[in-house]
Every structure is written in structure tokens, then in C-alpha cells.
Amino acid sequence: MIKDFKDLIVWQRAMELVTEVYRLVKKLPKEERFALSDQIRRSAISIPSNIAEGQGRNSTKEFIQFLAIAKGSKAELETQLLLCVKVTYLTNLDIETAINLIQEVGKMLNALQKSLKPNH
């Protein structure tokens, strides 16, 4: 039984994603330091934060809801990183590790959400 959100592998992987995102935003141009990079960091931080908050709510229904919010932040983050490539701030190679983590976290969020739903 999971006693603490830090025991969740999906939370641990989401934290790795945040670390990778912080590394990436340092590569963005200075004029984006307070716009796009700030939004990217917020999206990334939202993923493990919502996993933690949902797990801490002591309600399966609320946990599922917070996992859905984390999934939304994951999609937002992926969009922002792809935009960075599109406007040539970053390359596909730059974001490869982050995209792989995003996909992995997404699959884990889906599986966790499904496992929590009654009659899954």
C-alpha cells in the first residue's frame, strides 16, 4: 500500500521530468526567460504537484481528479516543448529526454487512474 506520494514511481519520474525541464529552459533565449520558460516550468511543476496533492487528499475520487489535472499539465508541457522546436529555440535532440519522460509519465498516469476507478 502506498503510504506517501513520494513512494509513487509516477511522482518520482515526474520529478525527473521537472529537473530535465529546468535544464532545458536554460537554453532558451534571454527574451523568453520570463515568458515561455516560466510557463514551461509551471507546467512541469504542476505534474508531480498534482500527483502529490491528489494522493494526499485521502479520497480516491479526488485523487483521480488530480491525476486528470496532471495529465492536462503533461499535454501543456509537451505542447510548449514542441513549440520551442518549431520556433527553433530548441532542437528535437534537445527535448528528446523530456519527451520520453512525458510519454512515460503519461502512460503511468493513465494506468494509475485506471487502477483507481471502480470496476476497472
PDB file of N, CA and C in Angstrom:
ATOM      1  N   MET A   1       0.838  -1.195   0.000  1.00  0.00           N
ATOM      2  CA  MET A   1       0.000   0.000   0.000  1.00  0.00           C
ATOM      3  C   MET A   1       0.880   1.256   0.000  1.00  0.00           C
ATOM      4  N   ILE A   2       0.483   2.222  -0.781  1.00  0.00           N
ATOM      5  CA  ILE A   2       1.215   3.488  -0.876  1.00  0.00           C
ATOM      6  C   ILE A   2       0.848   4.356   0.329  1.00  0.00           C
ATOM      7  N   LYS A   3       1.852   4.681   1.131  1.00  0.00           N
ATOM      8  CA  LYS A   3       1.619   5.497   2.319  1.00  0.00           C
ATOM      9  C   LYS A   3       1.926   6.962   2.066  1.00  0.00           C
ATOM     10  N   ASP A   4       2.767   7.217   1.066  1.00  0.00           N
ATOM     11  CA  ASP A   4       3.231   8.571   0.836  1.00  0.00           C
ATOM     12  C   ASP A   4       3.394   8.785  -0.674  1.00  0.00           C
ATOM     13  N   PHE A   5       3.075   9.977  -1.144  1.00  0.00           N
ATOM     14  CA  PHE A   5       3.182  10.258  -2.575  1.00  0.00           C
ATOM     15  C   PHE A   5       4.601  10.035  -3.099  1.00  0.00           C
ATOM     16  N   LYS A   6       5.604  10.198  -2.243  1.00  0.00           N
ATOM     17  CA  LYS A   6       6.994  10.019  -2.676  1.00  0.00           C
ATOM     18  C   LYS A   6       7.293   8.562  -3.029  1.00  0.00           C
ATOM     19  N   ASP A   7       6.434   7.643  -2.591  1.00  0.00           N
ATOM     20  CA  ASP A   7       6.585   6.227  -2.929  1.00  0.00           C
ATOM     21  C   ASP A   7       6.076   5.905  -4.338  1.00  0.00           C
ATOM     22  N   LEU A   8       5.308   6.805  -4.922  1.00  0.00           N
ATOM     23  CA  LEU A   8       4.748   6.568  -6.253  1.00  0.00           C
ATOM     24  C   LEU A   8       5.823   6.761  -7.322  1.00  0.00           C
ATOM     25  N   ILE A   9       6.041   5.744  -8.118  1.00  0.00           N
ATOM     26  CA  ILE A   9       7.051   5.827  -9.176  1.00  0.00           C
ATOM     27  C   ILE A   9       6.688   6.926 -10.168  1.00  0.00           C
ATOM     28  N   VAL A  10       5.407   7.110 -10.440  1.00  0.00           N
ATOM     29  CA  VAL A  10       4.995   8.160 -11.370  1.00  0.00           C
ATOM     30  C   VAL A  10       5.391   9.540 -10.833  1.00  0.00           C
ATOM     31  N   TRP A  11       5.297   9.738  -9.531  1.00  0.00           N
ATOM     32  CA  TRP A  11       5.725  11.013  -8.936  1.00  0.00           C
ATOM     33  C   TRP A  11       7.244  11.167  -9.081  1.00  0.00           C
ATOM     34  N   GLN A  12       7.980  10.087  -8.829  1.00  0.00           N
ATOM     35  CA  GLN A  12       9.443  10.128  -8.941  1.00  0.00           C
ATOM     36  C   GLN A  12       9.873  10.467 -10.367  1.00  0.00           C
ATOM     37  N   ARG A  13       9.230   9.848 -11.346  1.00  0.00           N
ATOM     38  CA  ARG A  13       9.560  10.112 -12.754  1.00  0.00           C
ATOM     39  C   ARG A  13       9.151  11.537 -13.146  1.00  0.00           C
ATOM     40  N   ALA A  14       8.041  12.006 -12.618  1.00  0.00           N
ATOM     41  CA  ALA A  14       7.603  13.382 -12.890  1.00  0.00           C
ATOM     42  C   ALA A  14       8.607  14.381 -12.311  1.00  0.00           C
ATOM     43  N   MET A  15       9.193  14.059 -11.175  1.00  0.00           N
ATOM     44  CA  MET A  15      10.222  14.922 -10.592  1.00  0.00           C
ATOM     45  C   MET A  15      11.476  14.935 -11.478  1.00  0.00           C
ATOM     46  N   GLU A  16      11.819  13.796 -12.059  1.00  0.00           N
ATOM     47  CA  GLU A  16      12.937  13.752 -13.006  1.00  0.00           C
ATOM     48  C   GLU A  16      12.635  14.639 -14.216  1.00  0.00           C
ATOM     49  N   LEU A  17      11.378  14.618 -14.652  1.00  0.00           N
ATOM     50  CA  LEU A  17      10.955  15.458 -15.777  1.00  0.00           C
ATOM     51  C   LEU A  17      11.136  16.936 -15.436  1.00  0.00           C
ATOM     52  N   VAL A  18      10.761  17.339 -14.237  1.00  0.00           N
ATOM     53  CA  VAL A  18      10.933  18.733 -13.821  1.00  0.00           C
ATOM     54  C   VAL A  18      12.408  19.118 -13.873  1.00  0.00           C
ATOM     55  N   THR A  19      13.265  18.250 -13.377  1.00  0.00           N
ATOM     56  CA  THR A  19      14.707  18.508 -13.399  1.00  0.00           C
ATOM     57  C   THR A  19      15.201  18.686 -14.833  1.00  0.00           C
ATOM     58  N   GLU A  20      14.741  17.835 -15.727  1.00  0.00           N
ATOM     59  CA  GLU A  20      15.127  17.924 -17.140  1.00  0.00           C
ATOM     60  C   GLU A  20      14.616  19.232 -17.751  1.00  0.00           C
ATOM     61  N   VAL A  21      13.408  19.622 -17.414  1.00  0.00           N
ATOM     62  CA  VAL A  21      12.829  20.867 -17.936  1.00  0.00           C
ATOM     63  C   VAL A  21      13.637  22.074 -17.461  1.00  0.00           C
ATOM     64  N   TYR A  22      14.046  22.070 -16.211  1.00  0.00           N
ATOM     65  CA  TYR A  22      14.870  23.180 -15.705  1.00  0.00           C
ATOM     66  C   TYR A  22      16.191  23.264 -16.472  1.00  0.00           C
ATOM     67  N   ARG A  23      16.734  22.126 -16.841  1.00  0.00           N
ATOM     68  CA  ARG A  23      17.963  22.113 -17.646  1.00  0.00           C
ATOM     69  C   ARG A  23      17.689  22.713 -19.029  1.00  0.00           C
ATOM     70  N   LEU A  24      16.551  22.349 -19.616  1.00  0.00           N
ATOM     71  CA  LEU A  24      16.206  22.808 -20.962  1.00  0.00           C
ATOM     72  C   LEU A  24      15.943  24.309 -21.030  1.00  0.00           C
ATOM     73  N   VAL A  25      15.217  24.844 -20.068  1.00  0.00           N
ATOM     74  CA  VAL A  25      14.850  26.265 -20.165  1.00  0.00           C
ATOM     75  C   VAL A  25      16.070  27.178 -20.083  1.00  0.00           C
ATOM     76  N   LYS A  26      17.155  26.678 -19.539  1.00  0.00           N
ATOM     77  CA  LYS A  26      18.395  27.470 -19.512  1.00  0.00           C
ATOM     78  C   LYS A  26      18.929  27.714 -20.924  1.00  0.00           C
ATOM     79  N   LYS A  27      18.494  26.892 -21.885  1.00  0.00           N
ATOM     80  CA  LYS A  27      18.935  27.033 -23.273  1.00  0.00           C
ATOM     81  C   LYS A  27      18.096  28.046 -24.057  1.00  0.00           C
ATOM     82  N   LEU A  28      16.984  28.468 -23.483  1.00  0.00           N
ATOM     83  CA  LEU A  28      16.113  29.401 -24.203  1.00  0.00           C
ATOM     84  C   LEU A  28      16.746  30.788 -24.263  1.00  0.00           C
ATOM     85  N   PRO A  29      16.386  31.566 -25.291  1.00  0.00           N
ATOM     86  CA  PRO A  29      16.925  32.928 -25.397  1.00  0.00           C
ATOM     87  C   PRO A  29      16.512  33.783 -24.193  1.00  0.00           C
ATOM     88  N   LYS A  30      17.334  34.764 -23.889  1.00  0.00           N
ATOM     89  CA  LYS A  30      17.084  35.613 -22.724  1.00  0.00           C
ATOM     90  C   LYS A  30      15.713  36.283 -22.774  1.00  0.00           C
ATOM     91  N   GLU A  31      15.254  36.650 -23.969  1.00  0.00           N
ATOM     92  CA  GLU A  31      13.949  37.322 -24.065  1.00  0.00           C
ATOM     93  C   GLU A  31      12.782  36.404 -23.692  1.00  0.00           C
ATOM     94  N   GLU A  32      13.026  35.111 -23.628  1.00  0.00           N
ATOM     95  CA  GLU A  32      11.980  34.158 -23.238  1.00  0.00           C
ATOM     96  C   GLU A  32      12.086  33.738 -21.779  1.00  0.00           C
ATOM     97  N   ARG A  33      13.046  34.263 -21.062  1.00  0.00           N
ATOM     98  CA  ARG A  33      13.270  33.839 -19.685  1.00  0.00           C
ATOM     99  C   ARG A  33      12.058  34.071 -18.775  1.00  0.00           C
ATOM    100  N   PHE A  34      11.260  35.111 -19.065  1.00  0.00           N
ATOM    101  CA  PHE A  34      10.142  35.423 -18.177  1.00  0.00           C
ATOM    102  C   PHE A  34       8.793  35.161 -18.827  1.00  0.00           C
ATOM    103  N   ALA A  35       8.803  34.607 -20.010  1.00  0.00           N
ATOM    104  CA  ALA A  35       7.543  34.320 -20.697  1.00  0.00           C
ATOM    105  C   ALA A  35       7.393  32.815 -20.872  1.00  0.00           C
ATOM    106  N   LEU A  36       7.861  32.315 -21.985  1.00  0.00           N
ATOM    107  CA  LEU A  36       7.703  30.892 -22.307  1.00  0.00           C
ATOM    108  C   LEU A  36       8.389  29.993 -21.282  1.00  0.00           C
ATOM    109  N   SER A  37       9.599  30.349 -20.871  1.00  0.00           N
ATOM    110  CA  SER A  37      10.313  29.479 -19.919  1.00  0.00           C
ATOM    111  C   SER A  37       9.571  29.394 -18.586  1.00  0.00           C
ATOM    112  N   ASP A  38       8.969  30.492 -18.152  1.00  0.00           N
ATOM    113  CA  ASP A  38       8.202  30.486 -16.908  1.00  0.00           C
ATOM    114  C   ASP A  38       6.981  29.576 -17.037  1.00  0.00           C
ATOM    115  N   GLN A  39       6.311  29.662 -18.167  1.00  0.00           N
ATOM    116  CA  GLN A  39       5.135  28.823 -18.421  1.00  0.00           C
ATOM    117  C   GLN A  39       5.525  27.347 -18.488  1.00  0.00           C
ATOM    118  N   ILE A  40       6.655  27.057 -19.112  1.00  0.00           N
ATOM    119  CA  ILE A  40       7.136  25.675 -19.220  1.00  0.00           C
ATOM    120  C   ILE A  40       7.438  25.119 -17.829  1.00  0.00           C
ATOM    121  N   ARG A  41       8.117  25.900 -17.012  1.00  0.00           N
ATOM    122  CA  ARG A  41       8.433  25.449 -15.648  1.00  0.00           C
ATOM    123  C   ARG A  41       7.153  25.205 -14.850  1.00  0.00           C
ATOM    124  N   ARG A  42       6.197  26.097 -14.962  1.00  0.00           N
ATOM    125  CA  ARG A  42       4.926  25.928 -14.222  1.00  0.00           C
ATOM    126  C   ARG A  42       4.205  24.654 -14.643  1.00  0.00           C
ATOM    127  N   SER A  43       4.157  24.400 -15.951  1.00  0.00           N
ATOM    128  CA  SER A  43       3.501  23.177 -16.443  1.00  0.00           C
ATOM    129  C   SER A  43       4.187  21.941 -15.891  1.00  0.00           C
ATOM    130  N   ALA A  44       5.511  21.947 -15.936  1.00  0.00           N
ATOM    131  CA  ALA A  44       6.282  20.789 -15.452  1.00  0.00           C
ATOM    132  C   ALA A  44       6.061  20.565 -13.959  1.00  0.00           C
ATOM    133  N   ILE A  45       6.150  21.633 -13.186  1.00  0.00           N
ATOM    134  CA  ILE A  45       5.989  21.540 -11.727  1.00  0.00           C
ATOM    135  C   ILE A  45       4.588  21.065 -11.357  1.00  0.00           C
ATOM    136  N   SER A  46       3.618  21.433 -12.161  1.00  0.00           N
ATOM    137  CA  SER A  46       2.223  21.065 -11.897  1.00  0.00           C
ATOM    138  C   SER A  46       2.005  19.550 -11.907  1.00  0.00           C
ATOM    139  N   ILE A  47       2.794  18.833 -12.683  1.00  0.00           N
ATOM    140  CA  ILE A  47       2.577  17.384 -12.820  1.00  0.00           C
ATOM    141  C   ILE A  47       2.831  16.660 -11.487  1.00  0.00           C
ATOM    142  N   PRO A  48       4.043  16.695 -10.921  1.00  0.00           N
ATOM    143  CA  PRO A  48       4.236  15.998  -9.639  1.00  0.00           C
ATOM    144  C   PRO A  48       3.453  16.652  -8.496  1.00  0.00           C
ATOM    145  N   SER A  49       3.230  17.960  -8.593  1.00  0.00           N
ATOM    146  CA  SER A  49       2.472  18.645  -7.532  1.00  0.00           C
ATOM    147  C   SER A  49       1.045  18.124  -7.446  1.00  0.00           C
ATOM    148  N   ASN A  50       0.403  17.936  -8.601  1.00  0.00           N
ATOM    149  CA  ASN A  50      -0.970  17.430  -8.599  1.00  0.00           C
ATOM    150  C   ASN A  50      -1.038  15.959  -8.204  1.00  0.00           C
ATOM    151  N   ILE A  51      -0.028  15.192  -8.568  1.00  0.00           N
ATOM    152  CA  ILE A  51       0.030  13.792  -8.117  1.00  0.00           C
ATOM    153  C   ILE A  51       0.105  13.764  -6.595  1.00  0.00           C
ATOM    154  N   ALA A  52       0.988  14.591  -6.039  1.00  0.00           N
ATOM    155  CA  ALA A  52       1.162  14.635  -4.583  1.00  0.00           C
ATOM    156  C   ALA A  52      -0.101  15.116  -3.890  1.00  0.00           C
ATOM    157  N   GLU A  53      -0.690  16.197  -4.392  1.00  0.00           N
ATOM    158  CA  GLU A  53      -1.890  16.729  -3.742  1.00  0.00           C
ATOM    159  C   GLU A  53      -3.036  15.727  -3.795  1.00  0.00           C
ATOM    160  N   GLY A  54      -3.203  15.107  -4.957  1.00  0.00           N
ATOM    161  CA  GLY A  54      -4.282  14.120  -5.089  1.00  0.00           C
ATOM    162  C   GLY A  54      -4.098  12.940  -4.157  1.00  0.00           C
ATOM    163  N   GLN A  55      -2.871  12.441  -4.057  1.00  0.00           N
ATOM    164  CA  GLN A  55      -2.610  11.298  -3.174  1.00  0.00           C
ATOM    165  C   GLN A  55      -2.823  11.689  -1.719  1.00  0.00           C
ATOM    166  N   GLY A  56      -2.564  12.930  -1.392  1.00  0.00           N
ATOM    167  CA  GLY A  56      -2.701  13.396  -0.019  1.00  0.00           C
ATOM    168  C   GLY A  56      -4.120  13.720   0.397  1.00  0.00           C
ATOM    169  N   ARG A  57      -5.058  13.642  -0.508  1.00  0.00           N
ATOM    170  CA  ARG A  57      -6.443  14.012  -0.220  1.00  0.00           C
ATOM    171  C   ARG A  57      -7.238  12.942   0.516  1.00  0.00           C
ATOM    172  N   ASN A  58      -6.749  11.730   0.564  1.00  0.00           N
ATOM    173  CA  ASN A  58      -7.449  10.618   1.233  1.00  0.00           C
ATOM    174  C   ASN A  58      -8.830  10.342   0.644  1.00  0.00           C
ATOM    175  N   SER A  59      -8.979  10.633  -0.626  1.00  0.00           N
ATOM    176  CA  SER A  59     -10.220  10.345  -1.338  1.00  0.00           C
ATOM    177  C   SER A  59      -9.852   9.855  -2.733  1.00  0.00           C
ATOM    178  N   THR A  60     -10.269   8.655  -3.067  1.00  0.00           N
ATOM    179  CA  THR A  60      -9.939   8.092  -4.376  1.00  0.00           C
ATOM    180  C   THR A  60     -10.504   8.963  -5.493  1.00  0.00           C
ATOM    181  N   LYS A  61     -11.729   9.438  -5.302  1.00  0.00           N
ATOM    182  CA  LYS A  61     -12.361  10.280  -6.325  1.00  0.00           C
ATOM    183  C   LYS A  61     -11.540  11.546  -6.571  1.00  0.00           C
ATOM    184  N   GLU A  62     -11.078  12.179  -5.505  1.00  0.00           N
ATOM    185  CA  GLU A  62     -10.258  13.383  -5.653  1.00  0.00           C
ATOM    186  C   GLU A  62      -8.898  13.052  -6.255  1.00  0.00           C
ATOM    187  N   PHE A  63      -8.318  11.924  -5.871  1.00  0.00           N
ATOM    188  CA  PHE A  63      -7.034  11.509  -6.425  1.00  0.00           C
ATOM    189  C   PHE A  63      -7.161  11.366  -7.942  1.00  0.00           C
ATOM    190  N   ILE A  64      -8.199  10.706  -8.409  1.00  0.00           N
ATOM    191  CA  ILE A  64      -8.430  10.536  -9.845  1.00  0.00           C
ATOM    192  C   ILE A  64      -8.546  11.892 -10.525  1.00  0.00           C
ATOM    193  N   GLN A  65      -9.237  12.828  -9.878  1.00  0.00           N
ATOM    194  CA  GLN A  65      -9.409  14.176 -10.430  1.00  0.00           C
ATOM    195  C   GLN A  65      -8.053  14.900 -10.546  1.00  0.00           C
ATOM    196  N   PHE A  66      -7.221  14.788  -9.523  1.00  0.00           N
ATOM    197  CA  PHE A  66      -5.910  15.442  -9.561  1.00  0.00           C
ATOM    198  C   PHE A  66      -4.979  14.780 -10.586  1.00  0.00           C
ATOM    199  N   LEU A  67      -5.129  13.480 -10.796  1.00  0.00           N
ATOM    200  CA  LEU A  67      -4.362  12.809 -11.841  1.00  0.00           C
ATOM    201  C   LEU A  67      -4.767  13.340 -13.219  1.00  0.00           C
ATOM    202  N   ALA A  68      -6.044  13.635 -13.383  1.00  0.00           N
ATOM    203  CA  ALA A  68      -6.521  14.211 -14.645  1.00  0.00           C
ATOM    204  C   ALA A  68      -5.913  15.600 -14.862  1.00  0.00           C
ATOM    205  N   ILE A  69      -5.796  16.367 -13.805  1.00  0.00           N
ATOM    206  CA  ILE A  69      -5.163  17.692 -13.909  1.00  0.00           C
ATOM    207  C   ILE A  69      -3.692  17.529 -14.285  1.00  0.00           C
ATOM    208  N   ALA A  70      -3.020  16.554 -13.672  1.00  0.00           N
ATOM    209  CA  ALA A  70      -1.615  16.287 -14.002  1.00  0.00           C
ATOM    210  C   ALA A  70      -1.476  15.915 -15.478  1.00  0.00           C
ATOM    211  N   LYS A  71      -2.430  15.133 -16.001  1.00  0.00           N
ATOM    212  CA  LYS A  71      -2.399  14.759 -17.414  1.00  0.00           C
ATOM    213  C   LYS A  71      -2.563  15.990 -18.305  1.00  0.00           C
ATOM    214  N   GLY A  72      -3.394  16.922 -17.885  1.00  0.00           N
ATOM    215  CA  GLY A  72      -3.552  18.165 -18.646  1.00  0.00           C
ATOM    216  C   GLY A  72      -2.259  18.968 -18.666  1.00  0.00           C
ATOM    217  N   SER A  73      -1.597  19.046 -17.529  1.00  0.00           N
ATOM    218  CA  SER A  73      -0.317  19.765 -17.457  1.00  0.00           C
ATOM    219  C   SER A  73       0.742  19.079 -18.302  1.00  0.00           C
ATOM    220  N   LYS A  74       0.700  17.763 -18.350  1.00  0.00           N
ATOM    221  CA  LYS A  74       1.627  16.990 -19.183  1.00  0.00           C
ATOM    222  C   LYS A  74       1.437  17.351 -20.651  1.00  0.00           C
ATOM    223  N   ALA A  75       0.198  17.427 -21.104  1.00  0.00           N
ATOM    224  CA  ALA A  75      -0.091  17.785 -22.501  1.00  0.00           C
ATOM    225  C   ALA A  75       0.339  19.226 -22.787  1.00  0.00           C
ATOM    226  N   GLU A  76       0.114  20.106 -21.821  1.00  0.00           N
ATOM    227  CA  GLU A  76       0.525  21.502 -21.955  1.00  0.00           C
ATOM    228  C   GLU A  76       2.050  21.598 -22.089  1.00  0.00           C
ATOM    229  N   LEU A  77       2.769  20.881 -21.248  1.00  0.00           N
ATOM    230  CA  LEU A  77       4.228  20.891 -21.288  1.00  0.00           C
ATOM    231  C   LEU A  77       4.741  20.363 -22.624  1.00  0.00           C
ATOM    232  N   GLU A  78       4.183  19.263 -23.085  1.00  0.00           N
ATOM    233  CA  GLU A  78       4.619  18.693 -24.362  1.00  0.00           C
ATOM    234  C   GLU A  78       4.401  19.699 -25.492  1.00  0.00           C
ATOM    235  N   THR A  79       3.259  20.370 -25.487  1.00  0.00           N
ATOM    236  CA  THR A  79       2.954  21.385 -26.495  1.00  0.00           C
ATOM    237  C   THR A  79       3.985  22.511 -26.464  1.00  0.00           C
ATOM    238  N   GLN A  80       4.322  22.967 -25.270  1.00  0.00           N
ATOM    239  CA  GLN A  80       5.272  24.071 -25.133  1.00  0.00           C
ATOM    240  C   GLN A  80       6.669  23.671 -25.614  1.00  0.00           C
ATOM    241  N   LEU A  81       7.087  22.449 -25.322  1.00  0.00           N
ATOM    242  CA  LEU A  81       8.395  21.997 -25.790  1.00  0.00           C
ATOM    243  C   LEU A  81       8.417  21.846 -27.307  1.00  0.00           C
ATOM    244  N   LEU A  82       7.336  21.330 -27.875  1.00  0.00           N
ATOM    245  CA  LEU A  82       7.248  21.211 -29.330  1.00  0.00           C
ATOM    246  C   LEU A  82       7.249  22.590 -29.988  1.00  0.00           C
ATOM    247  N   LEU A  83       6.632  23.558 -29.337  1.00  0.00           N
ATOM    248  CA  LEU A  83       6.647  24.940 -29.828  1.00  0.00           C
ATOM    249  C   LEU A  83       8.075  25.493 -29.839  1.00  0.00           C
ATOM    250  N   CYS A  84       8.837  25.180 -28.800  1.00  0.00           N
ATOM    251  CA  CYS A  84      10.235  25.624 -28.746  1.00  0.00           C
ATOM    252  C   CYS A  84      11.034  25.096 -29.930  1.00  0.00           C
ATOM    253  N   VAL A  85      10.726  23.880 -30.359  1.00  0.00           N
ATOM    254  CA  VAL A  85      11.389  23.313 -31.534  1.00  0.00           C
ATOM    255  C   VAL A  85      10.907  24.037 -32.793  1.00  0.00           C
ATOM    256  N   LYS A  86       9.603  24.251 -32.865  1.00  0.00           N
ATOM    257  CA  LYS A  86       9.007  24.885 -34.043  1.00  0.00           C
ATOM    258  C   LYS A  86       9.572  26.283 -34.288  1.00  0.00           C
ATOM    259  N   VAL A  87       9.831  27.024 -33.224  1.00  0.00           N
ATOM    260  CA  VAL A  87      10.383  28.380 -33.367  1.00  0.00           C
ATOM    261  C   VAL A  87      11.913  28.371 -33.270  1.00  0.00           C
ATOM    262  N   THR A  88      12.500  27.204 -33.305  1.00  0.00           N
ATOM    263  CA  THR A  88      13.955  26.950 -33.325  1.00  0.00           C
ATOM    264  C   THR A  88      14.711  27.450 -32.098  1.00  0.00           C
ATOM    265  N   TYR A  89      14.035  27.495 -30.942  1.00  0.00           N
ATOM    266  CA  TYR A  89      14.745  27.777 -29.690  1.00  0.00           C
ATOM    267  C   TYR A  89      15.480  26.527 -29.218  1.00  0.00           C
ATOM    268  N   LEU A  90      14.884  25.362 -29.501  1.00  0.00           N
ATOM    269  CA  LEU A  90      15.464  24.073 -29.124  1.00  0.00           C
ATOM    270  C   LEU A  90      15.380  23.144 -30.328  1.00  0.00           C
ATOM    271  N   THR A  91      16.135  22.050 -30.270  1.00  0.00           N
ATOM    272  CA  THR A  91      16.066  21.040 -31.332  1.00  0.00           C
ATOM    273  C   THR A  91      15.314  19.815 -30.804  1.00  0.00           C
ATOM    274  N   ASN A  92      14.937  18.946 -31.737  1.00  0.00           N
ATOM    275  CA  ASN A  92      14.315  17.681 -31.331  1.00  0.00           C
ATOM    276  C   ASN A  92      15.248  16.890 -30.427  1.00  0.00           C
ATOM    277  N   LEU A  93      16.540  16.953 -30.706  1.00  0.00           N
ATOM    278  CA  LEU A  93      17.518  16.265 -29.864  1.00  0.00           C
ATOM    279  C   LEU A  93      17.541  16.857 -28.453  1.00  0.00           C
ATOM    280  N   ASP A  94      17.430  18.190 -28.357  1.00  0.00           N
ATOM    281  CA  ASP A  94      17.402  18.850 -27.048  1.00  0.00           C
ATOM    282  C   ASP A  94      16.261  18.319 -26.179  1.00  0.00           C
ATOM    283  N   ILE A  95      15.089  18.157 -26.787  1.00  0.00           N
ATOM    284  CA  ILE A  95      13.894  17.817 -25.998  1.00  0.00           C
ATOM    285  C   ILE A  95      13.621  16.318 -25.927  1.00  0.00           C
ATOM    286  N   GLU A  96      14.456  15.506 -26.556  1.00  0.00           N
ATOM    287  CA  GLU A  96      14.207  14.065 -26.634  1.00  0.00           C
ATOM    288  C   GLU A  96      14.018  13.414 -25.258  1.00  0.00           C
ATOM    289  N   THR A  97      14.901  13.693 -24.315  1.00  0.00           N
ATOM    290  CA  THR A  97      14.789  13.095 -22.977  1.00  0.00           C
ATOM    291  C   THR A  97      13.492  13.526 -22.306  1.00  0.00           C
ATOM    292  N   ALA A  98      13.176  14.809 -22.408  1.00  0.00           N
ATOM    293  CA  ALA A  98      11.945  15.320 -21.795  1.00  0.00           C
ATOM    294  C   ALA A  98      10.713  14.681 -22.427  1.00  0.00           C
ATOM    295  N   ILE A  99      10.695  14.581 -23.743  1.00  0.00           N
ATOM    296  CA  ILE A  99       9.542  13.977 -24.432  1.00  0.00           C
ATOM    297  C   ILE A  99       9.382  12.514 -24.020  1.00  0.00           C
ATOM    298  N   ASN A 100      10.488  11.788 -23.916  1.00  0.00           N
ATOM    299  CA  ASN A 100      10.414  10.387 -23.473  1.00  0.00           C
ATOM    300  C   ASN A 100       9.856  10.292 -22.056  1.00  0.00           C
ATOM    301  N   LEU A 101      10.293  11.189 -21.182  1.00  0.00           N
ATOM    302  CA  LEU A 101       9.756  11.204 -19.804  1.00  0.00           C
ATOM    303  C   LEU A 101       8.280  11.575 -19.800  1.00  0.00           C
ATOM    304  N   ILE A 102       7.898  12.531 -20.626  1.00  0.00           N
ATOM    305  CA  ILE A 102       6.481  12.937 -20.729  1.00  0.00           C
ATOM    306  C   ILE A 102       5.631  11.738 -21.133  1.00  0.00           C
ATOM    307  N   GLN A 103       6.089  10.998 -22.128  1.00  0.00           N
ATOM    308  CA  GLN A 103       5.334   9.830 -22.589  1.00  0.00           C
ATOM    309  C   GLN A 103       5.264   8.757 -21.505  1.00  0.00           C
ATOM    310  N   GLU A 104       6.370   8.536 -20.828  1.00  0.00           N
ATOM    311  CA  GLU A 104       6.398   7.531 -19.753  1.00  0.00           C
ATOM    312  C   GLU A 104       5.459   7.937 -18.610  1.00  0.00           C
ATOM    313  N   VAL A 105       5.550   9.180 -18.188  1.00  0.00           N
ATOM    314  CA  VAL A 105       4.680   9.678 -17.107  1.00  0.00           C
ATOM    315  C   VAL A 105       3.218   9.597 -17.538  1.00  0.00           C
ATOM    316  N   GLY A 106       2.942   9.914 -18.787  1.00  0.00           N
ATOM    317  CA  GLY A 106       1.570   9.839 -19.295  1.00  0.00           C
ATOM    318  C   GLY A 106       0.995   8.436 -19.201  1.00  0.00           C
ATOM    319  N   LYS A 107       1.789   7.453 -19.600  1.00  0.00           N
ATOM    320  CA  LYS A 107       1.335   6.059 -19.516  1.00  0.00           C
ATOM    321  C   LYS A 107       1.104   5.649 -18.061  1.00  0.00           C
ATOM    322  N   MET A 108       1.995   6.096 -17.191  1.00  0.00           N
ATOM    323  CA  MET A 108       1.859   5.756 -15.768  1.00  0.00           C
ATOM    324  C   MET A 108       0.638   6.429 -15.154  1.00  0.00           C
ATOM    325  N   LEU A 109       0.384   7.676 -15.532  1.00  0.00           N
ATOM    326  CA  LEU A 109      -0.806   8.374 -15.034  1.00  0.00           C
ATOM    327  C   LEU A 109      -2.070   7.657 -15.487  1.00  0.00           C
ATOM    328  N   ASN A 110      -2.105   7.257 -16.763  1.00  0.00           N
ATOM    329  CA  ASN A 110      -3.263   6.524 -17.286  1.00  0.00           C
ATOM    330  C   ASN A 110      -3.487   5.226 -16.523  1.00  0.00           C
ATOM    331  N   ALA A 111      -2.405   4.484 -16.301  1.00  0.00           N
ATOM    332  CA  ALA A 111      -2.515   3.201 -15.608  1.00  0.00           C
ATOM    333  C   ALA A 111      -2.960   3.399 -14.161  1.00  0.00           C
ATOM    334  N   LEU A 112      -2.408   4.395 -13.487  1.00  0.00           N
ATOM    335  CA  LEU A 112      -2.788   4.651 -12.098  1.00  0.00           C
ATOM    336  C   LEU A 112      -4.245   5.083 -12.018  1.00  0.00           C
ATOM    337  N   GLN A 113      -4.633   5.967 -12.905  1.00  0.00           N
ATOM    338  CA  GLN A 113      -6.018   6.433 -12.919  1.00  0.00           C
ATOM    339  C   GLN A 113      -6.975   5.252 -13.155  1.00  0.00           C
ATOM    340  N   LYS A 114      -6.644   4.416 -14.099  1.00  0.00           N
ATOM    341  CA  LYS A 114      -7.482   3.255 -14.414  1.00  0.00           C
ATOM    342  C   LYS A 114      -7.565   2.306 -13.219  1.00  0.00           C
ATOM    343  N   SER A 115      -6.434   2.110 -12.524  1.00  0.00           N
ATOM    344  CA  SER A 115      -6.421   1.180 -11.386  1.00  0.00           C
ATOM    345  C   SER A 115      -7.252   1.684 -10.214  1.00  0.00           C
ATOM    346  N   LEU A 116      -7.437   2.991 -10.137  1.00  0.00           N
ATOM    347  CA  LEU A 116      -8.191   3.573  -9.024  1.00  0.00           C
ATOM    348  C   LEU A 116      -9.695   3.594  -9.272  1.00  0.00           C
ATOM    349  N   LYS A 117     -10.088   3.484 -10.535  1.00  0.00           N
ATOM    350  CA  LYS A 117     -11.512   3.534 -10.861  1.00  0.00           C
ATOM    351  C   LYS A 117     -12.172   2.210 -10.477  1.00  0.00           C
ATOM    352  N   PRO A 118     -13.358   2.302  -9.885  1.00  0.00           N
ATOM    353  CA  PRO A 118     -14.063   1.055  -9.539  1.00  0.00           C
ATOM    354  C   PRO A 118     -14.403   0.263 -10.805  1.00  0.00           C
ATOM    355  N   ASN A 119     -14.362  -1.044 -10.675  1.00  0.00           N
ATOM    356  CA  ASN A 119     -14.662  -1.961 -11.790  1.00  0.00           C
ATOM    357  C   ASN A 119     -13.766  -1.731 -13.005  1.00  0.00           C
ATOM    358  N   HIS A 120     -12.483  -1.471 -12.758  1.00  0.00           N
ATOM    359  CA  HIS A 120     -11.573  -1.238 -13.874  1.00  0.00           C
ATOM    360  C   HIS A 120     -11.259  -2.492 -14.598  1.00  0.00           C
TER     361      HIS A 120
END
